[in-house]
C-alpha atoms as a PDB file:
ATOM      1  CA  MET A   1     -45.156 144.117-110.314  1.00  0.00           C
ATOM      2  CA  ALA A   2     -41.589 143.661-110.907  1.00  0.00           C
ATOM      3  CA  GLY A   3     -39.141 143.614-107.317  1.00  0.00           C
ATOM      4  CA  SER A   4     -41.766 143.045-105.435  1.00  0.00           C
ATOM      5  CA  GLY A   5     -41.287 139.627-104.962  1.00  0.00           C
ATOM      6  CA  PHE A   6     -44.746 138.353-104.705  1.00  0.00           C
ATOM      7  CA  GLY A   7     -46.064 137.334-107.995  1.00  0.00           C
ATOM      8  CA  MET A   8     -49.028 136.082-108.942  1.00  0.00           C
ATOM      9  CA  GLY A   9     -47.513 132.032-108.182  1.00  0.00           C
ATOM     10  CA  GLY A  10     -47.360 133.212-104.761  1.00  0.00           C
ATOM     11  CA  PHE A  11     -50.061 134.904-104.449  1.00  0.00           C
ATOM     12  CA  ASN A  12     -52.384 132.001-105.979  1.00  0.00           C
ATOM     13  CA  LEU A  13     -50.155 129.515-104.088  1.00  0.00           C
ATOM     14  CA  LEU A  14     -51.378 131.834-100.680  1.00  0.00           C
ATOM     15  CA  PHE A  15     -55.066 131.882-101.519  1.00  0.00           C
ATOM     16  CA  GLY A  16     -54.975 127.931-102.642  1.00  0.00           C
ATOM     17  CA  ILE A  17     -53.459 126.865 -99.168  1.00  0.00           C
ATOM     18  CA  PHE A  18     -55.815 129.177 -96.967  1.00  0.00           C
ATOM     19  CA  PRO A  19     -58.843 127.162 -97.187  1.00  0.00           C
ATOM     20  CA  PHE A  20     -56.812 123.959 -96.625  1.00  0.00           C
ATOM     21  CA  LEU A  21     -55.152 125.623 -92.955  1.00  0.00           C
ATOM     22  CA  PHE A  22     -58.571 126.854 -92.122  1.00  0.00           C
ATOM     23  CA  LEU A  23     -60.486 124.262 -92.038  1.00  0.00           C
ATOM     24  CA  THR A  24     -57.624 122.434 -90.822  1.00  0.00           C
ATOM     25  CA  VAL A  25     -57.713 124.564 -87.713  1.00  0.00           C
ATOM     26  CA  PHE A  26     -61.603 124.657 -87.807  1.00  0.00           C
ATOM     27  CA  ALA A  27     -61.523 120.297 -87.667  1.00  0.00           C
ATOM     28  CA  ILE A  28     -59.021 120.623 -84.844  1.00  0.00           C
ATOM     29  CA  VAL A  29     -61.263 122.899 -82.356  1.00  0.00           C
ATOM     30  CA  ILE A  30     -64.625 121.328 -83.815  1.00  0.00           C
ATOM     31  CA  GLY A  31     -62.634 117.647 -82.935  1.00  0.00           C
ATOM     32  CA  THR A  32     -61.722 118.812 -79.397  1.00  0.00           C
ATOM     33  CA  PHE A  33     -65.528 120.357 -78.744  1.00  0.00           C
ATOM     34  CA  ILE A  34     -66.841 116.672 -79.203  1.00  0.00           C
ATOM     35  CA  VAL A  35     -64.218 114.738 -77.376  1.00  0.00           C
ATOM     36  CA  PHE A  36     -65.234 117.225 -74.454  1.00  0.00           C
ATOM     37  CA  ALA A  37     -68.613 116.985 -74.769  1.00  0.00           C
ATOM     38  CA  VAL A  38     -68.648 112.889 -75.058  1.00  0.00           C
ATOM     39  CA  ARG A  39     -66.985 112.757 -72.348  1.00  0.00           C
ATOM     40  CA  GLY A  40     -68.687 114.557 -69.937  1.00  0.00           C
ATOM     41  CA  VAL A  41     -71.690 112.643 -71.279  1.00  0.00           C
ATOM     42  CA  MET A  42     -70.485 109.225 -70.346  1.00  0.00           C
ATOM     43  CA  THR A  43     -68.976 110.464 -67.416  1.00  0.00           C
ATOM     44  CA  TRP A  44     -72.502 111.970 -66.036  1.00  0.00           C
ATOM     45  CA  ASN A  45     -73.970 108.082 -67.834  1.00  0.00           C
ATOM     46  CA  LYS A  46     -71.532 106.471 -65.708  1.00  0.00           C
ATOM     47  CA  ASN A  47     -72.251 108.144 -62.258  1.00  0.00           C
ATOM     48  CA  ASN A  48     -75.892 108.047 -63.420  1.00  0.00           C
ATOM     49  CA  ALA A  49     -75.498 103.827 -63.852  1.00  0.00           C
ATOM     50  CA  SER A  50     -73.452 103.666 -60.115  1.00  0.00           C
ATOM     51  CA  PRO A  51     -75.393 102.813 -56.833  1.00  0.00           C
ATOM     52  CA  ARG A  52     -75.850 105.617 -53.909  1.00  0.00           C
ATOM     53  CA  LEU A  53     -73.688 104.618 -51.429  1.00  0.00           C
ATOM     54  CA  THR A  54     -73.841 106.369 -47.991  1.00  0.00           C
ATOM     55  CA  VAL A  55     -70.706 104.740 -46.230  1.00  0.00           C
ATOM     56  CA  SER A  56     -68.147 105.915 -42.984  1.00  0.00           C
ATOM     57  CA  ALA A  57     -65.633 108.489 -43.951  1.00  0.00           C
ATOM     58  CA  GLU A  58     -63.016 110.454 -42.994  1.00  0.00           C
ATOM     59  CA  VAL A  59     -61.573 113.560 -44.421  1.00  0.00           C
ATOM     60  CA  VAL A  60     -58.031 113.520 -44.885  1.00  0.00           C
ATOM     61  CA  SER A  61     -57.897 116.233 -47.158  1.00  0.00           C
ATOM     62  CA  LYS A  62     -59.140 119.233 -49.349  1.00  0.00           C
ATOM     63  CA  ARG A  63     -57.131 120.854 -52.287  1.00  0.00           C
ATOM     64  CA  THR A  64     -58.212 124.041 -54.796  1.00  0.00           C
ATOM     65  CA  GLN A  65     -57.133 124.476 -57.870  1.00  0.00           C
ATOM     66  CA  VAL A  66     -57.412 127.796 -59.952  1.00  0.00           C
ATOM     67  CA  SER A  67     -57.686 128.414 -63.422  1.00  0.00           C
ATOM     68  CA  HIS A  68     -56.609 131.497 -65.334  1.00  0.00           C
ATOM     69  CA  HIS A  69     -58.436 132.086 -68.912  1.00  0.00           C
ATOM     70  CA  HIS A  70     -56.385 134.741 -70.317  1.00  0.00           C
ATOM     71  CA  HIS A  71     -59.038 136.424 -73.539  1.00  0.00           C
ATOM     72  CA  GLN A  72     -57.929 138.591 -77.025  1.00  0.00           C
ATOM     73  CA  ASP A  73     -59.616 141.182 -75.594  1.00  0.00           C
ATOM     74  CA  SER A  74     -56.929 141.983 -72.607  1.00  0.00           C
ATOM     75  CA  MET A  75     -59.864 140.826 -69.865  1.00  0.00           C
ATOM     76  CA  SER A  76     -58.456 137.522 -67.610  1.00  0.00           C
ATOM     77  CA  HIS A  77     -61.488 135.538 -65.765  1.00  0.00           C
ATOM     78  CA  SER A  78     -60.351 132.898 -63.337  1.00  0.00           C
ATOM     79  CA  SER A  79     -62.099 129.735 -61.915  1.00  0.00           C
ATOM     80  CA  THR A  80     -61.569 128.010 -58.433  1.00  0.00           C
ATOM     81  CA  SER A  81     -62.809 124.179 -58.548  1.00  0.00           C
ATOM     82  CA  TYR A  82     -63.055 122.269 -54.340  1.00  0.00           C
ATOM     83  CA  TYR A  83     -61.606 119.399 -53.392  1.00  0.00           C
ATOM     84  CA  ALA A  84     -62.217 116.533 -50.364  1.00  0.00           C
ATOM     85  CA  THR A  85     -60.498 113.401 -50.627  1.00  0.00           C
ATOM     86  CA  PHE A  86     -62.480 111.008 -47.850  1.00  0.00           C
ATOM     87  CA  GLN A  87     -60.834 107.813 -46.603  1.00  0.00           C
ATOM     88  CA  VAL A  88     -63.306 104.972 -46.036  1.00  0.00           C
ATOM     89  CA  GLU A  89     -63.553 102.359 -43.587  1.00  0.00           C
ATOM     90  CA  SER A  90     -61.469  99.760 -45.687  1.00  0.00           C
ATOM     91  CA  GLY A  91     -59.016 102.230 -46.222  1.00  0.00           C
ATOM     92  CA  ASP A  92     -59.420 103.051 -50.069  1.00  0.00           C
ATOM     93  CA  ARG A  93     -59.827 106.964 -50.655  1.00  0.00           C
ATOM     94  CA  VAL A  94     -61.891 108.803 -52.848  1.00  0.00           C
ATOM     95  CA  GLU A  95     -61.027 112.005 -54.247  1.00  0.00           C
ATOM     96  CA  LEU A  96     -64.775 114.324 -55.524  1.00  0.00           C
ATOM     97  CA  PRO A  97     -65.228 117.621 -56.700  1.00  0.00           C
ATOM     98  CA  LEU A  98     -67.259 119.521 -54.731  1.00  0.00           C
ATOM     99  CA  SER A  99     -68.736 123.781 -54.492  1.00  0.00           C
ATOM    100  CA  GLY A 100     -67.212 126.174 -52.699  1.00  0.00           C
ATOM    101  CA  SER A 101     -69.930 126.147 -49.669  1.00  0.00           C
ATOM    102  CA  GLU A 102     -69.649 122.721 -49.328  1.00  0.00           C
ATOM    103  CA  TYR A 103     -65.254 123.267 -49.868  1.00  0.00           C
ATOM    104  CA  GLY A 104     -65.493 125.732 -46.765  1.00  0.00           C
ATOM    105  CA  MET A 105     -68.196 123.248 -44.367  1.00  0.00           C
ATOM    106  CA  LEU A 106     -65.707 120.576 -43.981  1.00  0.00           C
ATOM    107  CA  ALA A 107     -62.186 120.559 -41.962  1.00  0.00           C
ATOM    108  CA  GLU A 108     -59.733 117.564 -42.043  1.00  0.00           C
ATOM    109  CA  GLY A 109     -60.640 115.261 -39.435  1.00  0.00           C
ATOM    110  CA  ASP A 110     -64.214 115.541 -39.697  1.00  0.00           C
ATOM    111  CA  ARG A 111     -65.495 111.538 -39.277  1.00  0.00           C
ATOM    112  CA  GLY A 112     -69.534 111.013 -40.961  1.00  0.00           C
ATOM    113  CA  SER A 113     -71.042 110.105 -43.361  1.00  0.00           C
ATOM    114  CA  LEU A 114     -70.366 110.133 -47.042  1.00  0.00           C
ATOM    115  CA  THR A 115     -72.840 110.024 -49.287  1.00  0.00           C
ATOM    116  CA  PHE A 116     -71.612 110.108 -53.461  1.00  0.00           C
ATOM    117  CA  GLN A 117     -72.540 108.609 -56.956  1.00  0.00           C
ATOM    118  CA  GLY A 118     -69.302 107.726 -59.227  1.00  0.00           C
ATOM    119  CA  THR A 119     -67.575 110.730 -59.340  1.00  0.00           C
ATOM    120  CA  ARG A 120     -70.562 112.703 -57.993  1.00  0.00           C
ATOM    121  CA  TYR A 121     -69.989 114.276 -54.487  1.00  0.00           C
ATOM    122  CA  LEU A 122     -73.799 113.972 -52.692  1.00  0.00           C
ATOM    123  CA  GLY A 123     -73.481 115.432 -49.094  1.00  0.00           C
ATOM    124  CA  PHE A 124     -71.219 114.478 -46.021  1.00  0.00           C
ATOM    125  CA  GLU A 125     -73.043 114.366 -42.492  1.00  0.00           C
ATOM    126  CA  ARG A 126     -70.232 114.724 -38.986  1.00  0.00           C
ATOM    127  CA  THR A 127     -71.515 112.023 -36.560  1.00  0.00           C
END
């Protein structure tokens, strides 16, 4: 293999590093998945432990967040998240995620009773 510039030493070095790099990337992916799963469970537990509240509130703003996902096979996918910000009697504001159908039923300036539990939107009834 004279002149190839890739002798047996380079070959062994490449295949000695590959398993290390593969395991490192695998550990990062699994670690990221675990972190997101733990955060989701913690939020779910915190919401379940929070009291269910119904308070007078006004819808002060609405927003959407569109996420685009591109796949290796040239497919793309987008998803939309919906949020509404409510101002309660004390003047505090709380932004809550909600479904698209609930989002469509709200208008800025609506006043009524907001029911929520932690960061979980449960409903809004206009008065």
